[in-house]
Amino acid sequence: MDGEHPQVDGSDLDALVARVPLGWSRQHIDGRAWGVTRVDRADGRASTIDGEELGGARRMSANVWRTRAGTLLRPCEMPAEQVLEVLRALDEPPA
């Protein structure tokens, strides 16, 4: 993959996306409050994730497509690594 879409193992990406609850939720990322929204479409084969730092300037937006070739990350107007940084920093969901 090119620099815009870095190589990410599909199962790792699926696990990161699964940490984001469906709908809107308040998350803590690096000690800061964020509003994060996840919407699944096409029977779960596509997800849109949008986030914004509450009271701050940081934003994150991406689409995730689950295809026969694997799971693909498509960030919206930002580097993929920025999206992955936010997803990796999400609090672990409660057990």
Foldseek 3Di string as FASTA:
>chain_A
DDQQWDDDAQVVVVVLLVQDDAAWDWWAFPNFTKIKHWDADDVRQKIWIWMDGVVDDDIWIWMWGQDPVGIGIGTDPDGPVVNVNRSVRTDGDDD
